[in-house]
N, C-alpha and C. Protein backbone atom coordinates (compact mmCIF):
# COMPACT_ATOMS: atom_id res chain seq x y z
N MET A 1 -26.51 33.30 -8.05
CA MET A 1 -25.12 32.87 -8.19
C MET A 1 -24.90 31.75 -7.24
N ALA A 2 -24.25 30.67 -7.80
CA ALA A 2 -23.97 29.44 -6.95
C ALA A 2 -22.93 29.52 -6.00
N LYS A 3 -23.13 28.99 -4.87
CA LYS A 3 -21.95 28.99 -3.90
C LYS A 3 -21.10 27.83 -4.07
N LEU A 4 -19.85 28.05 -3.97
CA LEU A 4 -18.94 27.03 -4.05
C LEU A 4 -18.90 26.35 -2.68
N LYS A 5 -18.79 25.01 -2.74
CA LYS A 5 -18.70 24.23 -1.72
C LYS A 5 -17.23 23.97 -1.29
N ILE A 6 -16.73 24.40 -0.16
CA ILE A 6 -15.32 24.31 0.14
C ILE A 6 -15.15 23.14 1.10
N ARG A 7 -14.50 22.10 1.05
CA ARG A 7 -14.13 21.25 2.14
C ARG A 7 -12.96 21.65 2.83
N ARG A 8 -13.22 21.72 3.95
CA ARG A 8 -12.03 22.11 4.89
C ARG A 8 -10.83 21.06 5.16
N ASN A 9 -11.23 19.83 5.20
CA ASN A 9 -10.23 18.79 5.47
C ASN A 9 -10.56 17.66 4.37
N PRO A 10 -10.24 17.90 3.19
CA PRO A 10 -10.45 16.71 2.23
C PRO A 10 -9.62 15.49 2.54
N THR A 11 -10.10 14.45 2.29
CA THR A 11 -9.48 13.17 2.48
C THR A 11 -8.86 12.74 1.27
N ARG A 12 -7.54 12.24 1.47
CA ARG A 12 -6.95 11.71 0.38
C ARG A 12 -6.51 10.08 0.54
N ARG A 13 -6.26 9.56 -0.72
CA ARG A 13 -6.02 8.14 -0.53
C ARG A 13 -4.45 8.02 -0.63
N TYR A 14 -3.94 7.13 0.29
CA TYR A 14 -2.46 7.04 0.53
C TYR A 14 -2.05 5.50 0.42
N GLU A 15 -0.95 5.29 -0.01
CA GLU A 15 -0.28 3.84 -0.02
C GLU A 15 0.92 4.07 0.97
N ALA A 16 1.00 2.93 1.90
CA ALA A 16 2.06 3.05 2.90
C ALA A 16 2.80 1.61 2.66
N VAL A 17 4.05 1.60 2.52
CA VAL A 17 4.99 0.47 2.62
C VAL A 17 5.78 0.32 3.82
N TYR A 18 5.65 -0.71 4.60
CA TYR A 18 6.48 -0.81 5.89
C TYR A 18 7.33 -1.90 5.85
N ILE A 19 8.55 -1.80 6.24
CA ILE A 19 9.50 -2.78 6.39
C ILE A 19 9.79 -2.95 7.78
N PHE A 20 9.20 -4.03 8.44
CA PHE A 20 9.54 -4.33 9.83
C PHE A 20 10.77 -5.15 9.90
N ASP A 21 11.42 -5.16 11.33
CA ASP A 21 12.52 -5.96 11.47
C ASP A 21 11.83 -7.49 11.31
N SER A 22 12.57 -8.36 10.62
CA SER A 22 12.15 -9.74 10.44
C SER A 22 12.37 -10.44 11.74
N ALA A 23 13.15 -9.97 12.68
CA ALA A 23 13.36 -10.77 13.94
C ALA A 23 12.22 -10.67 14.96
N LEU A 24 11.31 -9.61 14.66
CA LEU A 24 9.97 -9.41 15.47
C LEU A 24 9.00 -10.66 15.21
N GLU A 25 8.43 -10.99 16.28
CA GLU A 25 7.52 -11.99 16.11
C GLU A 25 6.27 -11.41 15.36
N ASP A 26 5.32 -12.32 14.76
CA ASP A 26 4.22 -11.71 13.99
C ASP A 26 3.25 -10.98 14.83
N THR A 27 2.91 -11.44 16.12
CA THR A 27 2.02 -10.70 17.16
C THR A 27 2.62 -9.34 17.34
N THR A 28 3.91 -9.25 17.56
CA THR A 28 4.36 -7.94 17.86
C THR A 28 4.18 -6.89 16.53
N ILE A 29 4.48 -7.51 15.44
CA ILE A 29 4.34 -6.79 14.15
C ILE A 29 2.91 -6.33 14.09
N ALA A 30 1.97 -7.11 14.32
CA ALA A 30 0.44 -7.00 14.27
C ALA A 30 0.09 -5.78 15.19
N GLU A 31 0.65 -5.83 16.38
CA GLU A 31 0.34 -4.85 17.46
C GLU A 31 1.09 -3.41 17.15
N LYS A 32 2.18 -3.51 16.57
CA LYS A 32 2.84 -2.37 16.11
C LYS A 32 1.91 -1.59 14.83
N LEU A 33 1.42 -2.47 14.03
CA LEU A 33 0.88 -2.02 12.79
C LEU A 33 -0.59 -1.43 13.26
N GLU A 34 -1.12 -2.07 14.32
CA GLU A 34 -2.41 -1.57 14.82
C GLU A 34 -2.28 -0.16 15.50
N LYS A 35 -1.10 -0.26 16.29
CA LYS A 35 -0.90 1.18 16.88
C LYS A 35 -0.79 2.20 15.85
N LEU A 36 0.17 1.99 14.88
CA LEU A 36 0.42 3.08 13.93
C LEU A 36 -0.81 3.41 13.09
N GLN A 37 -1.76 2.44 12.64
CA GLN A 37 -2.80 2.78 11.88
C GLN A 37 -3.93 3.53 12.79
N SER A 38 -3.81 3.32 14.18
CA SER A 38 -4.77 4.13 14.88
C SER A 38 -4.38 5.60 14.97
N LEU A 39 -3.13 6.00 14.72
CA LEU A 39 -2.77 7.37 14.57
C LEU A 39 -3.31 8.17 13.39
N LEU A 40 -3.92 7.35 12.50
CA LEU A 40 -4.51 8.07 11.16
C LEU A 40 -5.89 8.49 11.26
N ASN A 41 -6.53 8.02 12.49
CA ASN A 41 -7.95 8.38 12.55
C ASN A 41 -8.71 8.11 11.38
N LEU A 42 -8.76 6.66 10.97
CA LEU A 42 -9.36 6.32 9.74
C LEU A 42 -10.84 6.17 10.01
N ALA A 43 -11.67 6.58 8.98
CA ALA A 43 -13.26 6.45 9.01
C ALA A 43 -13.42 5.00 8.61
N GLU A 44 -12.63 4.49 7.71
CA GLU A 44 -12.89 3.05 7.32
C GLU A 44 -11.56 2.32 7.33
N PRO A 45 -11.63 0.98 7.62
CA PRO A 45 -10.48 0.32 7.78
C PRO A 45 -9.52 0.45 6.55
N ALA A 46 -8.28 0.27 6.84
CA ALA A 46 -7.23 0.28 5.70
C ALA A 46 -7.22 -1.17 5.16
N GLU A 47 -6.90 -1.11 3.80
CA GLU A 47 -6.63 -2.41 3.14
C GLU A 47 -5.16 -2.65 3.34
N ILE A 48 -5.01 -3.94 4.01
CA ILE A 48 -3.63 -4.20 4.26
C ILE A 48 -3.18 -5.59 3.70
N GLU A 49 -2.03 -5.61 3.08
CA GLU A 49 -1.55 -6.80 2.59
C GLU A 49 -0.28 -7.04 3.26
N HIS A 50 -0.12 -8.30 3.70
CA HIS A 50 1.21 -8.86 4.36
C HIS A 50 1.90 -9.61 3.29
N TRP A 51 2.92 -9.13 2.97
CA TRP A 51 3.81 -9.69 2.00
C TRP A 51 4.80 -10.57 2.73
N GLY A 52 4.96 -10.51 3.94
CA GLY A 52 5.82 -11.45 4.90
C GLY A 52 7.21 -11.09 4.90
N ARG A 53 8.04 -12.16 5.25
CA ARG A 53 9.57 -12.07 5.39
C ARG A 53 10.06 -12.31 3.97
N ARG A 54 10.97 -11.30 3.70
CA ARG A 54 11.63 -11.38 2.48
C ARG A 54 13.12 -10.75 2.59
N GLN A 55 13.85 -11.08 1.69
CA GLN A 55 15.34 -10.60 1.59
C GLN A 55 15.15 -9.22 1.07
N LEU A 56 15.87 -8.40 1.69
CA LEU A 56 16.14 -6.98 1.35
C LEU A 56 16.83 -6.86 0.06
N ALA A 57 16.65 -5.86 -0.84
CA ALA A 57 17.39 -5.68 -2.09
C ALA A 57 18.77 -5.23 -1.76
N TYR A 58 19.00 -4.57 -0.55
CA TYR A 58 20.28 -4.27 -0.19
C TYR A 58 20.35 -4.22 1.41
N LYS A 59 21.45 -4.41 1.97
CA LYS A 59 21.41 -4.24 3.29
C LYS A 59 21.22 -2.93 3.89
N ILE A 60 20.25 -3.09 5.01
CA ILE A 60 20.05 -1.75 5.69
C ILE A 60 20.47 -1.89 7.10
N GLY A 61 21.65 -1.04 7.34
CA GLY A 61 22.30 -1.37 8.68
C GLY A 61 22.61 -2.77 8.80
N ARG A 62 22.12 -3.35 9.88
CA ARG A 62 22.49 -4.83 10.12
C ARG A 62 21.49 -5.68 9.51
N HIS A 63 20.48 -5.18 9.02
CA HIS A 63 19.41 -6.06 8.34
C HIS A 63 19.54 -6.55 6.97
N GLU A 64 19.39 -7.74 6.81
CA GLU A 64 19.32 -8.27 5.44
C GLU A 64 17.90 -8.84 5.01
N ASN A 65 16.95 -8.98 5.84
CA ASN A 65 15.75 -9.45 5.81
C ASN A 65 14.76 -8.43 6.49
N GLY A 66 13.52 -8.28 5.93
CA GLY A 66 12.52 -7.46 6.58
C GLY A 66 11.04 -8.20 6.30
N TYR A 67 10.18 -7.67 7.12
CA TYR A 67 8.74 -8.11 7.08
C TYR A 67 7.89 -7.05 6.28
N TYR A 68 7.57 -7.37 5.02
CA TYR A 68 6.85 -6.29 4.42
C TYR A 68 5.45 -6.14 4.57
N ILE A 69 4.87 -5.11 4.59
CA ILE A 69 3.43 -4.79 4.59
C ILE A 69 2.99 -3.67 3.65
N ILE A 70 2.10 -3.72 2.92
CA ILE A 70 1.50 -2.73 2.18
C ILE A 70 0.09 -2.38 2.59
N SER A 71 -0.21 -1.04 2.89
CA SER A 71 -1.48 -0.61 3.47
C SER A 71 -2.02 0.58 2.54
N HIS A 72 -3.38 0.42 2.22
CA HIS A 72 -4.06 1.51 1.47
C HIS A 72 -4.98 2.06 2.37
N PHE A 73 -4.95 3.48 2.59
CA PHE A 73 -5.91 4.15 3.41
C PHE A 73 -6.29 5.34 2.94
N THR A 74 -7.41 5.94 3.51
CA THR A 74 -7.91 7.30 3.16
C THR A 74 -7.84 8.03 4.50
N THR A 75 -7.35 9.33 4.43
CA THR A 75 -7.35 10.10 5.62
C THR A 75 -6.98 11.54 5.27
N VAL A 76 -7.01 12.52 6.16
CA VAL A 76 -6.87 13.74 5.88
C VAL A 76 -5.32 13.98 6.02
N PRO A 77 -4.72 14.87 5.32
CA PRO A 77 -3.28 15.19 5.23
C PRO A 77 -2.61 15.46 6.44
N ALA A 78 -3.50 16.16 7.35
CA ALA A 78 -3.02 16.77 8.72
C ALA A 78 -2.64 15.69 9.57
N THR A 79 -3.12 14.47 9.33
CA THR A 79 -2.75 13.29 10.46
C THR A 79 -1.29 12.67 9.87
N LEU A 80 -0.76 12.98 8.80
CA LEU A 80 0.47 12.32 8.31
C LEU A 80 1.73 12.71 9.16
N PRO A 81 2.12 14.07 9.40
CA PRO A 81 3.17 14.30 10.30
C PRO A 81 3.30 13.47 11.54
N GLU A 82 2.37 13.38 12.42
CA GLU A 82 2.58 12.71 13.68
C GLU A 82 2.61 11.14 13.31
N PHE A 83 1.92 10.46 12.27
CA PHE A 83 2.11 9.29 11.97
C PHE A 83 3.43 8.93 11.39
N GLU A 84 4.14 9.78 10.54
CA GLU A 84 5.49 9.70 10.18
C GLU A 84 6.55 9.64 11.26
N ARG A 85 6.27 10.65 12.21
CA ARG A 85 7.03 10.76 13.39
C ARG A 85 7.17 9.47 14.08
N ALA A 86 5.92 8.78 14.34
CA ALA A 86 5.87 7.63 15.04
C ALA A 86 6.56 6.43 14.37
N LEU A 87 6.57 6.48 13.00
CA LEU A 87 7.30 5.48 12.18
C LEU A 87 8.72 5.75 12.31
N LYS A 88 9.24 6.97 12.32
CA LYS A 88 10.62 7.13 12.54
C LYS A 88 11.14 6.86 13.83
N LEU A 89 10.40 7.04 14.99
CA LEU A 89 10.76 6.70 16.30
C LEU A 89 10.59 5.18 16.65
N ASP A 90 9.95 4.37 15.87
CA ASP A 90 9.74 3.03 16.19
C ASP A 90 10.93 2.22 15.63
N GLU A 91 11.68 1.59 16.58
CA GLU A 91 12.82 0.90 16.32
C GLU A 91 12.64 -0.45 15.43
N GLY A 92 11.42 -1.02 15.47
CA GLY A 92 11.07 -2.20 14.79
C GLY A 92 10.80 -1.84 13.40
N VAL A 93 10.71 -0.49 12.96
CA VAL A 93 10.41 -0.22 11.45
C VAL A 93 11.80 0.17 10.81
N ILE A 94 12.16 -0.76 9.98
CA ILE A 94 13.64 -0.61 9.19
C ILE A 94 13.34 0.71 8.26
N ARG A 95 12.33 0.60 7.44
CA ARG A 95 12.12 1.56 6.41
C ARG A 95 10.63 1.65 6.23
N TYR A 96 10.15 2.79 5.61
CA TYR A 96 8.76 2.96 5.43
C TYR A 96 8.65 4.09 4.18
N LEU A 97 7.58 4.13 3.55
CA LEU A 97 7.47 5.00 2.53
C LEU A 97 5.90 5.21 2.45
N VAL A 98 5.46 6.49 2.45
CA VAL A 98 4.06 6.88 2.43
C VAL A 98 3.96 7.71 1.15
N THR A 99 3.03 7.32 0.18
CA THR A 99 2.82 8.02 -0.96
C THR A 99 1.29 8.28 -1.23
N LEU A 100 1.19 9.39 -2.03
CA LEU A 100 -0.28 9.69 -2.38
C LEU A 100 -0.62 8.70 -3.52
N HIS A 101 -1.76 8.11 -3.40
CA HIS A 101 -2.13 7.04 -4.26
C HIS A 101 -3.38 7.52 -5.01
N GLU A 102 -3.08 8.26 -6.18
CA GLU A 102 -3.99 8.77 -6.96
C GLU A 102 -4.56 7.97 -8.08
N HIS A 103 -3.73 7.11 -8.55
CA HIS A 103 -4.17 6.36 -9.76
C HIS A 103 -3.58 5.02 -9.70
N GLU A 104 -4.48 3.90 -10.09
CA GLU A 104 -3.84 2.61 -10.19
C GLU A 104 -2.88 2.59 -11.43
N LEU A 105 -1.73 1.83 -11.12
CA LEU A 105 -0.92 1.56 -12.25
C LEU A 105 -1.08 0.49 -13.13
N GLY A 106 -0.66 0.63 -14.27
CA GLY A 106 -0.92 -0.74 -15.24
C GLY A 106 -2.14 -0.48 -15.91
N ALA A 107 -2.50 -1.52 -16.74
CA ALA A 107 -3.72 -1.61 -17.61
C ALA A 107 -4.89 -1.81 -16.63
N PRO A 108 -5.94 -1.43 -17.08
CA PRO A 108 -7.30 -1.74 -16.25
C PRO A 108 -7.64 -3.19 -16.31
N LYS A 109 -8.25 -3.79 -15.35
CA LYS A 109 -8.51 -5.16 -15.35
C LYS A 109 -9.48 -5.48 -16.33
N LEU A 110 -9.36 -6.66 -17.19
CA LEU A 110 -10.26 -6.87 -18.15
C LEU A 110 -11.43 -7.80 -17.59
N SER A 111 -12.59 -7.68 -18.17
CA SER A 111 -13.81 -8.75 -17.79
C SER A 111 -13.50 -9.86 -18.43
N ASP A 112 -14.17 -11.01 -17.86
CA ASP A 112 -14.12 -12.29 -18.46
C ASP A 112 -14.36 -12.41 -19.86
N GLU A 113 -15.51 -11.62 -20.26
CA GLU A 113 -15.71 -11.48 -21.79
C GLU A 113 -14.61 -10.95 -22.64
N GLU A 114 -13.93 -9.91 -22.06
CA GLU A 114 -12.85 -9.21 -22.66
C GLU A 114 -11.76 -10.29 -22.83
N LEU A 115 -11.41 -10.90 -21.84
CA LEU A 115 -10.40 -11.90 -21.77
C LEU A 115 -10.62 -13.06 -22.78
N ALA A 116 -11.82 -13.45 -22.87
CA ALA A 116 -12.20 -14.66 -23.79
C ALA A 116 -12.14 -14.21 -25.15
N SER A 117 -12.55 -12.98 -25.37
CA SER A 117 -12.46 -12.37 -26.76
C SER A 117 -11.04 -12.14 -27.29
N ARG A 118 -10.08 -11.80 -26.41
CA ARG A 118 -8.65 -11.65 -26.72
C ARG A 118 -8.03 -12.98 -26.93
N ARG A 119 -8.49 -13.96 -26.13
CA ARG A 119 -7.89 -15.44 -26.40
C ARG A 119 -8.30 -15.89 -27.77
N ARG A 120 -9.50 -15.63 -28.12
CA ARG A 120 -10.06 -16.07 -29.40
C ARG A 120 -9.27 -15.44 -30.58
N ALA A 121 -9.25 -14.22 -30.41
CA ALA A 121 -8.33 -13.26 -31.48
C ALA A 121 -7.07 -13.89 -31.48
N SER A 122 -6.42 -14.18 -30.42
CA SER A 122 -4.97 -14.62 -30.36
C SER A 122 -4.85 -16.01 -31.07
N ASP A 123 -5.99 -16.87 -30.76
CA ASP A 123 -5.92 -18.17 -31.42
C ASP A 123 -6.21 -17.99 -32.89
N ASP A 124 -7.03 -17.10 -33.31
CA ASP A 124 -7.16 -16.90 -34.76
C ASP A 124 -5.93 -16.36 -35.39
N ASP A 125 -5.17 -15.47 -34.79
CA ASP A 125 -3.81 -15.02 -35.25
C ASP A 125 -2.89 -16.15 -35.54
N ASP A 126 -2.90 -17.08 -34.59
CA ASP A 126 -1.93 -18.30 -34.60
C ASP A 126 -2.14 -19.03 -35.90
N ASP A 127 -3.40 -19.15 -36.32
CA ASP A 127 -3.85 -20.07 -37.39
C ASP A 127 -3.49 -19.36 -38.72
N ASP A 128 -3.32 -18.04 -38.66
CA ASP A 128 -2.98 -17.35 -39.94
C ASP A 128 -1.53 -17.65 -40.17
N GLU A 129 -0.60 -17.79 -39.19
CA GLU A 129 0.75 -17.87 -39.37
C GLU A 129 1.29 -18.99 -40.11
N GLU A 130 0.37 -20.24 -40.09
CA GLU A 130 1.00 -21.44 -40.61
C GLU A 130 0.83 -21.39 -42.14
């Protein structure tokens, strides 16, 4: 009889969106982000995208602008409560959202060959309409 292998602390892939106070300096934002990421005990570095300063869709408190950062990381779920607690207590964080990142949204990326094939097919369709 085969034994089932049970993982005690399975890692999961997450996405976090942070909106920092846009009045903070870039170095301060980087320091805060590094401190927050260190709470996750990541085995591999997070993928971080800096979207920069942008106008908020709606006013949050006194804030009309924010500094947006998107982070993708893999960690065990047990690290999230302390991480989210730190986000709530940090006055430089206007809003945040941590979600389970199970699947990529949208259509899968096409190879160069597939793109070229679709362009040729599209060009051929345009000729038929004349």
